[in-house]
Protein backbone atom coordinates (compact mmCIF):
# COMPACT_ATOMS: atom_id res chain seq x y z
CA UNK A 1 78.16 -14.53 10.00
CA UNK A 2 77.90 -17.94 11.64
CA UNK A 3 74.86 -19.95 10.69
CA UNK A 4 72.26 -21.11 13.20
CA UNK A 5 72.87 -24.73 14.14
CA UNK A 6 70.41 -26.95 12.28
CA UNK A 7 67.46 -28.16 14.29
CA UNK A 8 67.24 -25.23 16.70
CA UNK A 9 64.35 -22.81 16.77
CA UNK A 10 64.72 -19.19 15.77
CA UNK A 11 63.05 -16.52 17.87
CA UNK A 12 60.17 -14.59 16.32
CA UNK A 13 58.86 -11.63 18.28
CA UNK A 14 56.67 -9.94 15.65
CA UNK A 15 53.61 -11.18 13.76
CA UNK A 16 54.06 -12.72 10.34
CA UNK A 17 54.25 -10.23 7.50
CA UNK A 18 53.82 -10.42 3.77
CA UNK A 19 56.81 -12.08 2.15
CA UNK A 20 57.31 -11.69 -1.57
CA UNK A 21 59.70 -14.47 -2.56
CA UNK A 22 60.55 -14.88 -6.23
CA UNK A 23 61.68 -18.42 -7.14
CA UNK A 24 64.07 -17.93 -10.04
CA UNK A 25 67.44 -16.23 -10.15
CA UNK A 26 67.27 -13.36 -12.59
CA UNK A 27 70.06 -12.69 -15.08
CA UNK A 28 71.58 -9.18 -15.04
CA UNK A 29 70.96 -6.78 -17.91
CA UNK A 30 73.54 -4.40 -19.36
CA UNK A 31 76.43 -3.47 -17.09
CA UNK A 32 76.75 -0.13 -15.35
CA UNK A 33 79.25 2.29 -16.88
CA UNK A 34 82.77 2.19 -15.47
CA UNK A 35 84.21 5.50 -14.28
CA UNK A 36 87.87 6.31 -13.57
CA UNK A 37 88.99 4.74 -10.28
CA UNK A 38 89.72 6.81 -7.21
CA UNK A 39 93.44 7.64 -7.15
CA UNK A 40 95.75 6.13 -4.52
CA UNK A 41 97.21 8.32 -1.80
CA UNK A 42 100.69 7.49 -3.04
CA UNK A 43 101.45 5.95 -6.42
CA UNK A 44 102.38 2.28 -6.04
CA UNK A 45 100.77 1.83 -2.62
CA UNK A 46 97.89 -0.59 -2.09
CA UNK A 47 94.79 1.49 -1.37
CA UNK A 48 91.15 0.56 -0.90
CA UNK A 49 87.71 1.93 -0.06
CA UNK A 50 85.68 0.70 2.93
CA UNK A 51 82.70 3.12 2.88
CA UNK A 52 81.14 6.08 1.05
CA UNK A 53 78.83 8.85 2.18
CA UNK A 54 75.22 8.74 0.90
CA UNK A 55 75.69 11.62 -1.55
CA UNK A 56 78.90 10.43 -3.17
CA UNK A 57 81.23 13.29 -2.28
CA UNK A 58 83.31 11.44 0.33
CA UNK A 59 84.81 7.97 0.48
CA UNK A 60 87.02 6.55 3.22
CA UNK A 61 89.52 3.72 3.20
CA UNK A 62 93.18 2.93 3.63
CA UNK A 63 96.62 3.09 2.04
CA UNK A 64 99.15 0.35 2.78
CA UNK A 65 102.90 0.78 2.40
CA UNK A 66 105.15 -2.11 1.43
CA UNK A 67 106.73 -2.09 4.89
CA UNK A 68 103.33 -2.95 6.40
CA UNK A 69 102.32 0.49 7.59
CA UNK A 70 98.75 1.61 6.97
CA UNK A 71 97.04 5.02 7.03
CA UNK A 72 93.37 6.06 6.92
CA UNK A 73 92.49 7.93 3.71
CA UNK A 74 89.54 10.23 2.97
CA UNK A 75 88.66 11.00 -0.65
CA UNK A 76 86.95 14.39 -1.08
CA UNK A 77 85.57 15.01 -4.58
CA UNK A 78 87.94 12.31 -5.83
CA UNK A 79 91.12 13.66 -4.19
CA UNK A 80 92.80 11.57 -1.45
CA UNK A 81 93.69 13.06 1.94
CA UNK A 82 95.64 11.27 4.69
CA UNK A 83 93.72 11.31 7.99
CA UNK A 84 96.15 9.31 10.17
CA UNK A 85 99.85 8.61 10.12
CA UNK A 86 101.08 5.24 8.90
CA UNK A 87 101.17 2.61 11.64
CA UNK A 88 101.41 -1.16 12.02
CA UNK A 89 98.45 -3.54 12.07
CA UNK A 90 98.83 -3.87 15.86
CA UNK A 91 98.64 -0.11 16.48
CA UNK A 92 96.77 1.07 13.40
CA UNK A 93 93.56 2.98 12.89
CA UNK A 94 90.77 1.33 10.87
CA UNK A 95 87.95 3.35 9.32
CA UNK A 96 84.45 1.91 8.96
CA UNK A 97 82.18 4.72 7.74
CA UNK A 98 81.96 8.33 6.62
CA UNK A 99 78.98 10.68 6.57
CA UNK A 100 78.00 13.62 4.37
CA UNK A 101 79.90 16.02 6.67
CA UNK A 102 83.19 14.13 6.14
CA UNK A 103 83.02 12.74 9.69
CA UNK A 104 84.80 9.38 9.81
CA UNK A 105 84.36 6.64 12.43
CA UNK A 106 86.38 3.53 13.08
CA UNK A 107 88.44 1.56 15.61
CA UNK A 108 91.90 1.70 17.14
CA UNK A 109 93.19 -0.89 19.61
CA UNK A 110 89.69 -1.91 20.74
CA UNK A 111 88.42 1.65 21.07
CA UNK A 112 86.00 3.51 18.83
CA UNK A 113 87.04 6.88 17.39
CA UNK A 114 85.65 9.69 15.29
CA UNK A 115 87.22 12.35 13.08
CA UNK A 116 85.24 15.60 13.11
CA UNK A 117 86.47 18.89 11.64
CA UNK A 118 89.84 17.25 11.06
CA UNK A 119 90.29 16.26 14.73
CA UNK A 120 90.40 12.63 15.86
CA UNK A 121 88.87 11.84 19.27
CA UNK A 122 88.23 8.59 21.12
CA UNK A 123 84.59 7.76 21.84
CA UNK A 124 83.60 6.75 25.37
CA UNK A 125 83.03 3.16 26.45
CA UNK A 126 79.76 2.48 28.29
CA UNK A 127 80.21 1.78 32.01
CA UNK A 128 81.29 -1.80 32.72
CA UNK A 129 82.64 -2.52 29.21
CA UNK A 130 86.29 -2.90 28.27
CA UNK A 131 86.18 -2.13 24.54
CA UNK A 132 84.03 -0.44 21.93
CA UNK A 133 83.78 -0.59 18.15
CA UNK A 134 82.16 1.94 15.78
CA UNK A 135 80.46 0.52 12.69
CA UNK A 136 78.49 3.41 11.15
CA UNK A 137 77.41 7.04 11.48
CA UNK A 138 74.73 9.27 10.01
CA UNK A 139 74.70 12.87 8.82
CA UNK A 140 73.48 14.07 12.24
CA UNK A 141 76.73 12.75 13.75
CA UNK A 142 75.20 9.82 15.62
CA UNK A 143 77.37 6.67 15.73
CA UNK A 144 76.52 3.00 16.30
CA UNK A 145 78.51 -0.16 16.99
CA UNK A 146 79.02 -2.47 19.94
CA UNK A 147 80.85 -2.74 23.25
CA UNK A 148 82.59 -5.80 24.67
CA UNK A 149 83.53 -7.44 27.94
CA UNK A 150 86.33 -10.00 27.62
CA UNK A 151 87.25 -13.10 29.58
CA UNK A 152 85.10 -16.02 30.71
CA UNK A 153 81.97 -13.87 30.75
CA UNK A 154 82.64 -12.43 27.30
CA UNK A 155 79.69 -10.56 25.85
CA UNK A 156 79.04 -7.99 23.13
CA UNK A 157 76.29 -5.40 23.32
CA UNK A 158 74.89 -3.00 20.71
CA UNK A 159 75.54 0.64 21.60
CA UNK A 160 74.99 4.11 20.18
CA UNK A 161 76.72 7.45 20.63
CA UNK A 162 74.87 10.76 20.31
CA UNK A 163 76.32 13.55 18.19
CA UNK A 164 77.98 15.00 21.32
CA UNK A 165 79.52 11.63 22.23
CA UNK A 166 77.17 10.43 24.97
CA UNK A 167 77.05 6.63 24.83
CA UNK A 168 74.07 4.36 25.61
CA UNK A 169 73.57 0.61 25.64
CA UNK A 170 70.71 -0.58 23.42
CA UNK A 171 68.08 -3.04 24.71
CA UNK A 172 68.11 -6.55 23.31
CA UNK A 173 65.63 -9.47 23.14
CA UNK A 174 65.31 -11.49 26.35
CA UNK A 175 67.70 -14.43 26.56
CA UNK A 176 70.11 -13.10 23.97
CA UNK A 177 73.74 -12.68 25.03
CA UNK A 178 75.33 -10.70 22.20
CA UNK A 179 74.02 -7.88 20.03
CA UNK A 180 75.56 -5.65 17.37
CA UNK A 181 74.44 -2.41 15.72
CA UNK A 182 75.47 -2.26 12.06
CA UNK A 183 73.91 0.92 10.61
CA UNK A 184 71.87 4.00 11.49
CA UNK A 185 69.31 5.93 9.41
CA UNK A 186 69.09 9.69 9.13
CA UNK A 187 66.31 9.84 11.72
CA UNK A 188 68.27 7.78 14.25
CA UNK A 189 66.68 4.37 13.55
CA UNK A 190 69.29 1.66 14.14
CA UNK A 191 69.55 -1.85 12.68
CA UNK A 192 71.63 -4.85 13.74
CA UNK A 193 71.37 -8.35 15.18
CA UNK A 194 71.36 -10.36 18.39
CA UNK A 195 72.51 -13.93 19.07
CA UNK A 196 71.67 -16.62 21.60
CA UNK A 197 74.02 -19.48 22.48
CA UNK A 198 73.73 -22.90 24.16
CA UNK A 199 75.97 -24.12 26.99
CA UNK A 200 78.58 -25.30 24.48
CA UNK A 201 78.84 -21.84 23.00
CA UNK A 202 77.12 -22.69 19.73
CA UNK A 203 74.60 -20.19 18.32
CA UNK A 204 71.04 -21.47 18.62
CA UNK A 205 69.08 -18.39 17.60
CA UNK A 206 69.65 -15.21 15.65
CA UNK A 207 67.38 -12.17 15.80
CA UNK A 208 67.43 -9.43 13.17
CA UNK A 209 66.76 -6.27 15.17
CA UNK A 210 65.67 -2.68 14.55
CA UNK A 211 65.90 -0.05 17.28
CA UNK A 212 63.43 2.77 16.44
CA UNK A 213 64.53 6.33 17.09
CA UNK A 214 61.66 6.59 19.59
CA UNK A 215 63.12 3.79 21.76
CA UNK A 216 62.71 0.07 22.37
CA UNK A 217 63.35 -2.56 19.72
CA UNK A 218 61.57 -4.77 17.21
CA UNK A 219 62.62 -8.11 15.73
CA UNK A 220 62.33 -8.30 11.95
CA UNK A 221 61.01 -11.46 10.28
CA UNK A 222 63.98 -13.65 9.32
CA UNK A 223 65.12 -17.25 9.73
CA UNK A 224 68.88 -16.87 9.94
CA UNK A 225 69.40 -13.36 8.69
CA UNK A 226 71.44 -10.23 9.01
CA UNK A 227 70.60 -6.60 8.30
CA UNK A 228 73.54 -4.50 7.17
CA UNK A 229 72.21 -1.16 5.94
CA UNK A 230 69.24 1.21 6.26
CA UNK A 231 68.14 4.34 4.40
CA UNK A 232 64.86 6.26 4.62
CA UNK A 233 63.11 3.44 6.44
CA UNK A 234 64.25 0.65 4.10
CA UNK A 235 66.66 -1.94 5.52
CA UNK A 236 68.57 -4.56 3.52
CA UNK A 237 70.57 -7.66 4.29
CA UNK A 238 70.13 -11.37 3.79
CA UNK A 239 68.31 -14.43 5.05
CA UNK A 240 69.14 -18.11 4.71
CA UNK A 241 66.73 -20.65 3.26
CA UNK A 242 66.11 -24.04 4.83
CA UNK A 243 68.63 -25.57 2.41
CA UNK A 244 71.35 -23.19 3.63
CA UNK A 245 71.35 -20.88 0.60
CA UNK A 246 71.54 -17.15 1.42
CA UNK A 247 69.32 -14.69 -0.45
CA UNK A 248 69.14 -10.88 -0.34
CA UNK A 249 66.29 -9.33 1.62
CA UNK A 250 64.59 -5.94 1.72
CA UNK A 251 62.57 -4.87 4.76
CA UNK A 252 60.25 -1.87 4.52
CA UNK A 253 60.09 -0.69 8.11
CA UNK A 254 57.12 1.57 7.37
CA UNK A 255 54.86 -1.29 6.27
CA UNK A 256 56.56 -4.28 7.92
CA UNK A 257 56.90 -6.01 4.56
CA UNK A 258 59.80 -8.38 3.93
CA UNK A 259 60.79 -9.05 0.31
CA UNK A 260 63.14 -11.88 -0.59
CA UNK A 261 64.94 -10.97 -3.82
CA UNK A 262 65.38 -13.64 -6.52
CA UNK A 263 69.12 -14.24 -6.26
CA UNK A 264 70.78 -17.30 -4.73
CA UNK A 265 74.08 -17.31 -2.85
CA UNK A 266 73.67 -13.56 -2.53
CA UNK A 267 73.52 -10.80 0.08
CA UNK A 268 72.29 -7.22 -0.14
CA UNK A 269 75.07 -4.78 0.72
CA UNK A 270 73.62 -1.27 0.63
CA UNK A 271 70.55 0.84 -0.15
CA UNK A 272 70.20 4.49 -1.18
CA UNK A 273 67.45 7.11 -0.80
CA UNK A 274 65.82 5.99 -4.05
CA UNK A 275 65.50 2.43 -2.78
CA UNK A 276 68.19 1.13 -5.15
CA UNK A 277 70.12 -1.84 -3.77
CA UNK A 278 73.54 -3.37 -4.36
CA UNK A 279 73.81 -7.15 -4.12
CA UNK A 280 76.86 -9.36 -3.79
CA UNK A 281 76.49 -12.64 -5.68
CA UNK A 282 78.91 -15.43 -4.68
CA UNK A 283 77.93 -18.69 -6.42
CA UNK A 284 79.82 -21.80 -5.23
CA UNK A 285 80.72 -22.78 -8.81
CA UNK A 286 81.24 -19.40 -10.47
CA UNK A 287 82.71 -15.93 -10.25
CA UNK A 288 81.52 -13.44 -7.65
CA UNK A 289 80.19 -10.05 -8.64
CA UNK A 290 78.11 -7.05 -7.64
CA UNK A 291 74.63 -6.29 -9.00
CA UNK A 292 72.78 -2.97 -8.99
CA UNK A 293 69.02 -3.30 -8.61
CA UNK A 294 66.58 -0.42 -9.12
CA UNK A 295 62.87 -0.91 -8.46
CA UNK A 296 61.00 -2.13 -11.51
CA UNK A 297 64.16 -2.57 -13.60
CA UNK A 298 66.34 -5.57 -14.47
CA UNK A 299 69.45 -6.00 -12.37
CA UNK A 300 72.65 -4.60 -13.86
CA UNK A 301 76.20 -5.87 -13.42
CA UNK A 302 78.14 -3.36 -11.29
CA UNK A 303 81.68 -4.71 -11.18
CA UNK A 304 83.43 -7.80 -9.89
CA UNK A 305 84.91 -6.46 -6.68
CA UNK A 306 83.18 -6.05 -3.33
CA UNK A 307 80.95 -2.96 -3.26
CA UNK A 308 81.58 -0.66 -0.30
CA UNK A 309 79.14 2.16 -0.98
CA UNK A 310 76.08 3.20 -3.00
CA UNK A 311 75.25 6.89 -3.43
CA UNK A 312 71.93 8.58 -4.14
CA UNK A 313 73.44 9.53 -7.51
CA UNK A 314 73.69 5.79 -8.31
CA UNK A 315 77.45 5.56 -8.10
CA UNK A 316 78.80 2.27 -6.77
CA UNK A 317 82.16 2.38 -4.98
CA UNK A 318 84.23 -0.79 -4.71
CA UNK A 319 86.95 -1.87 -2.34
CA UNK A 320 89.54 -1.77 -5.16
CA UNK A 321 88.68 1.95 -5.77
CA UNK A 322 86.80 1.26 -9.01
CA UNK A 323 83.58 3.21 -9.49
CA UNK A 324 80.46 2.28 -11.46
CA UNK A 325 77.82 4.71 -12.73
CA UNK A 326 74.44 2.95 -12.76
CA UNK A 327 72.28 5.78 -14.09
């Protein structure tokens, strides 16, 4: 995410809320237990995970052949299944999320797609847009992402598809040019962001946005933030301090409370139904790693690789197919 240019104001459309900011960076307690990694589709191929369903039964990712071909892979109860044929990076399919019904969404040549009941279909573009991209789906089959218009008047706009594939463009704050939907809750609440630019094309304002299932939108309190995940009314992401240091953030959409978590150079990645959070720590002078944070408990180390999913059973799934049990 590009930072807001220093010296510009950031839009605030909601009243101030209680912010619980803890000053010190806490040290992690004992590490989560390491489980056997998810197996590759084919021995010797490079394979990775990009997302996991909330209950931990399904994971989705990719398998790359040495000749450059790549296929989408779905793991069901730990066993890999090829969803697409191998293809080049120019013509390939890229998965972004999977729900508890094994429905997978992703992109292919600037078009959003969905796999349902083993059948891959292209999702519709909204009228007037040239491309669409799917970022996430929920168990009800609703999908969110963004649509794009290219050329001199390039713009991106947050969109959502219903379970039956009907697409709609989401409203965005006045004066903002681009918006993106990043995740959707079980009840249809959507989270994402919007950006405003000056005449030179530099970002001058960033809004962290929630689109309630009942319609409209609200701007969450943030300075230069992003919201990346939502579950049961709790959204997580990051915000940037005045000195440019990112910190993980938790927003409780039921109370309006924003909590800044006590970790520097860090971003929240995911949240489960229990309110547990995974955090990616990337210090400028040290090794990066993932932390697992449960309410009222010390943070626990949850692997060194990038976390791609957190289940309600407290399993953490990483891009390199390693799995951590944080019970």
